[in-house]
């Protein structure tokens, strides 16, 4: 999140649902750099507010929150009537990671194998 404070339980708030996201069940988005809930194993329980996939171009795992994935797909977030407008002179926000140009999600790869 843009704030540097942690919640009272020592966990950062999820950028998608706003609930605390502990270090064992979170990741940071490659697009916006915000933390989100991510189940890191198939046996883990709890919310899953994003996705992870292998990017063939950079040969690495890419992590993205549901907000950025929906925005990339052209969907608007709940409660948004219209997409936000970007001012032409507004500076672009800093990103923590390099943005990948493509790649398939792990779910898509698994579906193709069936």
C-alpha atoms as a PDB file:
ATOM      1  CA  UNK A   1       0.000   0.000   0.000  1.00  0.00           C
ATOM      2  CA  UNK A   2       1.070   3.591  -0.253  1.00  0.00           C
ATOM      3  CA  UNK A   3       1.104   3.876   3.528  1.00  0.00           C
ATOM      4  CA  UNK A   4       4.151   2.508   5.290  1.00  0.00           C
ATOM      5  CA  UNK A   5       2.293   1.400   8.434  1.00  0.00           C
ATOM      6  CA  UNK A   6       1.426  -2.186   9.243  1.00  0.00           C
ATOM      7  CA  UNK A   7      -1.835  -3.230  10.866  1.00  0.00           C
ATOM      8  CA  UNK A   8      -1.975  -4.006  14.571  1.00  0.00           C
ATOM      9  CA  UNK A   9      -1.412  -7.737  13.931  1.00  0.00           C
ATOM     10  CA  UNK A  10       1.865  -7.044  12.102  1.00  0.00           C
ATOM     11  CA  UNK A  11       0.413  -7.827   8.663  1.00  0.00           C
ATOM     12  CA  UNK A  12       0.093  -5.485   5.694  1.00  0.00           C
ATOM     13  CA  UNK A  13      -3.412  -4.846   4.326  1.00  0.00           C
ATOM     14  CA  UNK A  14      -4.323  -6.542   1.030  1.00  0.00           C
ATOM     15  CA  UNK A  15      -4.766  -4.045  -1.814  1.00  0.00           C
ATOM     16  CA  UNK A  16      -7.723  -6.057  -3.180  1.00  0.00           C
ATOM     17  CA  UNK A  17      -9.861  -6.916  -0.132  1.00  0.00           C
ATOM     18  CA  UNK A  18      -8.309  -4.714   2.569  1.00  0.00           C
ATOM     19  CA  UNK A  19      -7.913  -7.571   5.063  1.00  0.00           C
ATOM     20  CA  UNK A  20      -4.535  -8.170   6.794  1.00  0.00           C
ATOM     21  CA  UNK A  21      -2.130 -10.261   4.693  1.00  0.00           C
ATOM     22  CA  UNK A  22       0.573 -12.020   6.711  1.00  0.00           C
ATOM     23  CA  UNK A  23       4.010 -12.705   5.192  1.00  0.00           C
ATOM     24  CA  UNK A  24       3.288 -16.435   4.760  1.00  0.00           C
ATOM     25  CA  UNK A  25       0.231 -15.763   2.561  1.00  0.00           C
ATOM     26  CA  UNK A  26       1.015 -12.670   0.497  1.00  0.00           C
ATOM     27  CA  UNK A  27       2.904 -11.456  -2.530  1.00  0.00           C
ATOM     28  CA  UNK A  28       3.448  -8.124  -4.219  1.00  0.00           C
ATOM     29  CA  UNK A  29       2.042  -7.225  -7.626  1.00  0.00           C
ATOM     30  CA  UNK A  30       4.495  -6.744 -10.495  1.00  0.00           C
ATOM     31  CA  UNK A  31       2.343  -3.924 -11.925  1.00  0.00           C
ATOM     32  CA  UNK A  32       1.328  -1.771  -8.959  1.00  0.00           C
ATOM     33  CA  UNK A  33       3.767  -3.059  -6.311  1.00  0.00           C
ATOM     34  CA  UNK A  34       1.005  -3.457  -3.702  1.00  0.00           C
ATOM     35  CA  UNK A  35       0.627  -6.495  -1.428  1.00  0.00           C
ATOM     36  CA  UNK A  36      -2.218  -8.980  -1.977  1.00  0.00           C
ATOM     37  CA  UNK A  37      -3.324 -12.361  -0.587  1.00  0.00           C
ATOM     38  CA  UNK A  38      -1.851 -15.303  -2.481  1.00  0.00           C
ATOM     39  CA  UNK A  39      -2.078 -18.946  -1.489  1.00  0.00           C
ATOM     40  CA  UNK A  40       1.481 -20.142  -2.028  1.00  0.00           C
ATOM     41  CA  UNK A  41       0.693 -23.881  -1.881  1.00  0.00           C
ATOM     42  CA  UNK A  42      -2.161 -26.031  -3.112  1.00  0.00           C
ATOM     43  CA  UNK A  43      -2.969 -27.089   0.453  1.00  0.00           C
ATOM     44  CA  UNK A  44      -3.117 -23.533   1.838  1.00  0.00           C
ATOM     45  CA  UNK A  45      -6.435 -22.056   2.879  1.00  0.00           C
ATOM     46  CA  UNK A  46      -7.580 -18.461   2.922  1.00  0.00           C
ATOM     47  CA  UNK A  47      -8.278 -15.756   0.366  1.00  0.00           C
ATOM     48  CA  UNK A  48      -6.604 -15.687  -3.035  1.00  0.00           C
ATOM     49  CA  UNK A  49      -6.654 -12.120  -4.385  1.00  0.00           C
ATOM     50  CA  UNK A  50      -4.353 -12.551  -7.380  1.00  0.00           C
ATOM     51  CA  UNK A  51      -2.538 -14.993  -9.619  1.00  0.00           C
ATOM     52  CA  UNK A  52       0.952 -16.219 -10.458  1.00  0.00           C
ATOM     53  CA  UNK A  53       2.286 -17.530 -13.783  1.00  0.00           C
ATOM     54  CA  UNK A  54       5.514 -18.261 -15.633  1.00  0.00           C
ATOM     55  CA  UNK A  55       6.491 -15.505 -18.032  1.00  0.00           C
ATOM     56  CA  UNK A  56       8.306 -16.994 -21.016  1.00  0.00           C
ATOM     57  CA  UNK A  57       9.956 -13.711 -21.997  1.00  0.00           C
ATOM     58  CA  UNK A  58      11.739 -13.019 -18.712  1.00  0.00           C
ATOM     59  CA  UNK A  59      11.871 -16.700 -17.615  1.00  0.00           C
ATOM     60  CA  UNK A  60      10.516 -15.911 -14.164  1.00  0.00           C
ATOM     61  CA  UNK A  61       7.370 -16.134 -12.076  1.00  0.00           C
ATOM     62  CA  UNK A  62       5.121 -13.086 -12.325  1.00  0.00           C
ATOM     63  CA  UNK A  63       2.691 -12.161  -9.536  1.00  0.00           C
ATOM     64  CA  UNK A  64      -0.301  -9.858 -10.087  1.00  0.00           C
ATOM     65  CA  UNK A  65      -3.206  -8.716  -7.912  1.00  0.00           C
ATOM     66  CA  UNK A  66      -6.825  -9.136  -9.038  1.00  0.00           C
ATOM     67  CA  UNK A  67      -7.205  -5.338  -9.405  1.00  0.00           C
ATOM     68  CA  UNK A  68      -4.432  -5.147 -12.027  1.00  0.00           C
ATOM     69  CA  UNK A  69      -5.542  -8.344 -13.782  1.00  0.00           C
ATOM     70  CA  UNK A  70      -9.107  -7.010 -14.066  1.00  0.00           C
ATOM     71  CA  UNK A  71      -7.831  -3.631 -15.267  1.00  0.00           C
ATOM     72  CA  UNK A  72      -5.645  -5.326 -17.887  1.00  0.00           C
ATOM     73  CA  UNK A  73      -8.653  -7.379 -19.048  1.00  0.00           C
ATOM     74  CA  UNK A  74     -10.701  -4.190 -19.412  1.00  0.00           C
ATOM     75  CA  UNK A  75     -12.954  -4.866 -16.425  1.00  0.00           C
ATOM     76  CA  UNK A  76     -13.678  -2.154 -13.878  1.00  0.00           C
ATOM     77  CA  UNK A  77     -13.381  -2.649 -10.138  1.00  0.00           C
ATOM     78  CA  UNK A  78     -16.612  -3.065  -8.126  1.00  0.00           C
ATOM     79  CA  UNK A  79     -18.202   0.339  -7.504  1.00  0.00           C
ATOM     80  CA  UNK A  80     -16.434   2.010 -10.436  1.00  0.00           C
ATOM     81  CA  UNK A  81     -18.920   3.300 -12.985  1.00  0.00           C
ATOM     82  CA  UNK A  82     -16.274   4.378 -15.458  1.00  0.00           C
ATOM     83  CA  UNK A  83     -12.538   3.774 -15.745  1.00  0.00           C
ATOM     84  CA  UNK A  84     -10.356   6.467 -14.177  1.00  0.00           C
ATOM     85  CA  UNK A  85      -8.923   9.059 -16.518  1.00  0.00           C
ATOM     86  CA  UNK A  86      -5.200   9.607 -16.593  1.00  0.00           C
ATOM     87  CA  UNK A  87      -3.967  13.155 -16.849  1.00  0.00           C
ATOM     88  CA  UNK A  88      -1.425  13.529 -19.696  1.00  0.00           C
ATOM     89  CA  UNK A  89       1.000  15.496 -17.496  1.00  0.00           C
ATOM     90  CA  UNK A  90       0.650  13.257 -14.425  1.00  0.00           C
ATOM     91  CA  UNK A  91       3.865  11.401 -13.525  1.00  0.00           C
ATOM     92  CA  UNK A  92       3.701   7.640 -13.782  1.00  0.00           C
ATOM     93  CA  UNK A  93       3.795   5.893 -10.377  1.00  0.00           C
ATOM     94  CA  UNK A  94       6.997   4.067  -9.464  1.00  0.00           C
ATOM     95  CA  UNK A  95       6.902   0.313  -9.858  1.00  0.00           C
ATOM     96  CA  UNK A  96       8.897  -2.136  -7.802  1.00  0.00           C
ATOM     97  CA  UNK A  97       9.330  -4.653 -10.583  1.00  0.00           C
ATOM     98  CA  UNK A  98       9.758  -4.668 -14.329  1.00  0.00           C
ATOM     99  CA  UNK A  99       6.520  -5.064 -16.227  1.00  0.00           C
ATOM    100  CA  UNK A 100       6.329  -8.153 -18.398  1.00  0.00           C
ATOM    101  CA  UNK A 101       4.887  -7.898 -21.865  1.00  0.00           C
ATOM    102  CA  UNK A 102       3.191 -11.259 -21.893  1.00  0.00           C
ATOM    103  CA  UNK A 103       2.928 -14.731 -20.496  1.00  0.00           C
ATOM    104  CA  UNK A 104       0.331 -17.313 -19.649  1.00  0.00           C
ATOM    105  CA  UNK A 105      -1.077 -17.900 -16.202  1.00  0.00           C
ATOM    106  CA  UNK A 106      -0.513 -21.220 -14.486  1.00  0.00           C
ATOM    107  CA  UNK A 107      -4.261 -21.856 -14.676  1.00  0.00           C
ATOM    108  CA  UNK A 108      -4.267 -21.312 -18.437  1.00  0.00           C
ATOM    109  CA  UNK A 109      -1.312 -23.676 -18.899  1.00  0.00           C
ATOM    110  CA  UNK A 110      -3.049 -26.370 -16.858  1.00  0.00           C
ATOM    111  CA  UNK A 111      -6.255 -25.971 -18.883  1.00  0.00           C
ATOM    112  CA  UNK A 112      -4.383 -26.320 -22.183  1.00  0.00           C
ATOM    113  CA  UNK A 113      -2.871 -29.654 -21.074  1.00  0.00           C
ATOM    114  CA  UNK A 114      -6.293 -31.230 -20.467  1.00  0.00           C
END
